[in-house]
Amino acid sequence: MQTRPFPPAPDARSPAGAEIRYLMEGATGNMIHSTVPPGQVNRATVHATVSEFWHVLSGAGEIWRRDGAGEETTILEPGVTIDIPVGTAFQYRCTGADPLRFLCVSMPPWPGDAEATLIDGPWTPTAPEGRVAS
């Protein structure tokens, strides 16, 4: 069994550009808390082996997703839950005055940043590169 407090500061930055806090890890998946600052547009990516579920906690944003059946842009607002099946191209951004915050569950567990391949998306990315400032 695991019990953990909410991390006081971000642990890392996702390949797309969000600040992330590691919440929980297990044999079948892991969970992170993501924060996207106001005005930030993250890099478009596609995952090789991992599927994700997201649940929006606060803020406002949009996510673009494309798979073999088509593409769509979804409004991200508190209470919205989405999936990103393995192989789905996606890009997201914060459109509100407050940070976009959401929980993300990865299945299987995130294997490392090489999992994500950067691609062209519908928006020009503005996310910073590299580690989060401590």
Protein backbone atom coordinates (compact mmCIF):
# COMPACT_ATOMS: atom_id res chain seq x y z
CA MET A 1 0.00 0.00 0.00
CA GLN A 2 1.13 3.54 -0.73
CA THR A 3 0.16 6.88 0.77
CA ARG A 4 1.86 10.06 -0.34
CA PRO A 5 1.41 13.79 0.31
CA PHE A 6 0.97 16.21 -2.60
CA PRO A 7 4.49 17.35 -3.65
CA PRO A 8 5.13 21.00 -2.74
CA ALA A 9 6.91 21.75 -6.04
CA PRO A 10 7.00 20.22 -9.54
CA ASP A 11 9.28 17.20 -9.91
CA ALA A 12 9.90 17.51 -13.65
CA ARG A 13 8.59 18.74 -17.00
CA SER A 14 6.74 16.42 -19.39
CA PRO A 15 8.08 16.01 -22.94
CA ALA A 16 5.16 18.21 -24.07
CA GLY A 17 6.11 20.97 -21.59
CA ALA A 18 3.77 20.70 -18.57
CA GLU A 19 5.10 20.92 -15.02
CA ILE A 20 4.47 17.54 -13.38
CA ARG A 21 4.32 16.17 -9.87
CA TYR A 22 4.66 12.41 -9.36
CA LEU A 23 1.73 11.17 -7.27
CA MET A 24 1.67 7.36 -7.41
CA GLU A 25 3.38 4.43 -9.14
CA GLY A 26 2.32 0.81 -9.46
CA ALA A 27 2.86 -2.28 -11.54
CA THR A 28 -0.01 -1.45 -13.93
CA GLY A 29 0.24 2.34 -14.18
CA ASN A 30 1.16 5.64 -12.58
CA MET A 31 -0.49 8.96 -11.80
CA ILE A 32 0.83 12.51 -12.07
CA HIS A 33 -0.53 16.01 -11.47
CA SER A 34 0.08 18.35 -14.42
CA THR A 35 0.13 22.16 -14.50
CA VAL A 36 0.13 24.30 -17.64
CA PRO A 37 0.62 28.05 -16.98
CA PRO A 38 -1.72 30.63 -18.55
CA GLY A 39 -0.98 31.17 -22.25
CA GLN A 40 1.33 28.15 -22.57
CA VAL A 41 0.97 25.92 -25.64
CA ASN A 42 2.63 22.54 -25.17
CA ARG A 43 4.46 20.57 -27.83
CA ALA A 44 2.46 18.05 -29.89
CA THR A 45 3.39 14.43 -29.21
CA VAL A 46 2.42 10.82 -29.82
CA HIS A 47 3.14 7.96 -27.39
CA ALA A 48 4.55 4.62 -28.54
CA THR A 49 3.30 2.27 -25.78
CA VAL A 50 1.36 4.26 -23.16
CA SER A 51 -2.34 5.19 -22.98
CA GLU A 52 -3.52 7.98 -20.67
CA PHE A 53 -6.65 9.09 -18.83
CA TRP A 54 -6.88 12.78 -17.84
CA HIS A 55 -9.25 14.47 -15.40
CA VAL A 56 -9.31 18.28 -15.33
CA LEU A 57 -9.21 19.79 -11.83
CA SER A 58 -9.08 23.53 -12.58
CA GLY A 59 -8.38 26.13 -15.24
CA ALA A 60 -9.34 26.17 -18.89
CA GLY A 61 -7.75 24.79 -22.01
CA GLU A 62 -8.08 22.81 -25.20
CA ILE A 63 -6.69 19.50 -26.39
CA TRP A 64 -6.36 18.43 -30.01
CA ARG A 65 -6.33 14.66 -30.62
CA ARG A 66 -5.88 12.71 -33.87
CA ASP A 67 -6.04 8.97 -34.47
CA GLY A 68 -6.76 6.71 -37.45
CA ALA A 69 -10.49 7.48 -37.26
CA GLY A 70 -10.23 11.28 -37.29
CA GLU A 71 -9.37 14.30 -35.19
CA GLU A 72 -11.09 16.65 -32.76
CA THR A 73 -10.46 19.54 -30.41
CA THR A 74 -12.01 19.26 -26.95
CA ILE A 75 -12.54 22.02 -24.37
CA LEU A 76 -10.76 21.24 -21.10
CA GLU A 77 -12.58 22.57 -18.03
CA PRO A 78 -13.08 21.31 -14.47
CA GLY A 79 -14.83 17.95 -14.40
CA VAL A 80 -13.94 16.90 -17.97
CA THR A 81 -12.27 13.49 -18.35
CA ILE A 82 -10.61 12.36 -21.59
CA ASP A 83 -8.54 9.48 -22.88
CA ILE A 84 -5.46 9.43 -25.07
CA PRO A 85 -5.15 5.89 -26.48
CA VAL A 86 -1.70 4.66 -27.44
CA GLY A 87 -0.66 6.04 -30.84
CA THR A 88 -2.95 9.09 -30.64
CA ALA A 89 -1.36 12.39 -31.66
CA PHE A 90 -2.21 15.22 -29.25
CA GLN A 91 -1.41 18.79 -28.29
CA TYR A 92 -2.88 20.92 -25.52
CA ARG A 93 -2.83 24.45 -24.23
CA CYS A 94 -4.03 26.65 -21.38
CA THR A 95 -6.56 29.22 -22.60
CA GLY A 96 -7.60 30.76 -19.29
CA ALA A 97 -6.24 33.35 -16.88
CA ASP A 98 -5.43 30.62 -14.31
CA PRO A 99 -3.21 27.55 -14.76
CA LEU A 100 -4.74 24.44 -16.29
CA ARG A 101 -4.39 21.60 -13.76
CA PHE A 102 -5.26 17.95 -14.34
CA LEU A 103 -4.58 14.42 -13.13
CA CYS A 104 -3.05 12.01 -15.62
CA VAL A 105 -3.01 8.23 -15.28
CA SER A 106 -0.60 6.37 -17.59
CA MET A 107 -1.05 2.69 -18.42
CA PRO A 108 1.34 0.89 -18.39
CA PRO A 109 3.69 2.96 -16.20
CA TRP A 110 5.54 5.77 -17.99
CA PRO A 111 8.78 4.23 -19.34
CA GLY A 112 10.68 7.52 -19.75
CA ASP A 113 10.67 10.57 -21.98
CA ALA A 114 11.79 8.58 -25.05
CA GLU A 115 8.17 7.28 -25.04
CA ALA A 116 6.97 10.57 -26.57
CA THR A 117 7.76 11.52 -30.15
CA LEU A 118 7.43 15.22 -30.98
CA ILE A 119 5.26 15.94 -34.02
CA ASP A 120 3.65 18.92 -35.74
CA GLY A 121 0.35 19.97 -34.20
CA PRO A 122 -2.21 22.67 -34.92
CA TRP A 123 -0.66 25.32 -32.63
CA THR A 124 2.82 26.83 -32.34
CA PRO A 125 4.37 25.59 -29.06
CA THR A 126 5.49 28.11 -26.43
CA ALA A 127 6.41 25.64 -23.65
CA PRO A 128 9.89 25.96 -22.17
CA GLU A 129 12.46 23.27 -22.79
CA GLY A 130 14.29 21.33 -20.10
CA ARG A 131 13.81 21.03 -16.37
CA VAL A 132 11.46 23.03 -14.19
CA ALA A 133 12.93 25.88 -12.15
CA SER A 134 13.35 24.98 -8.50
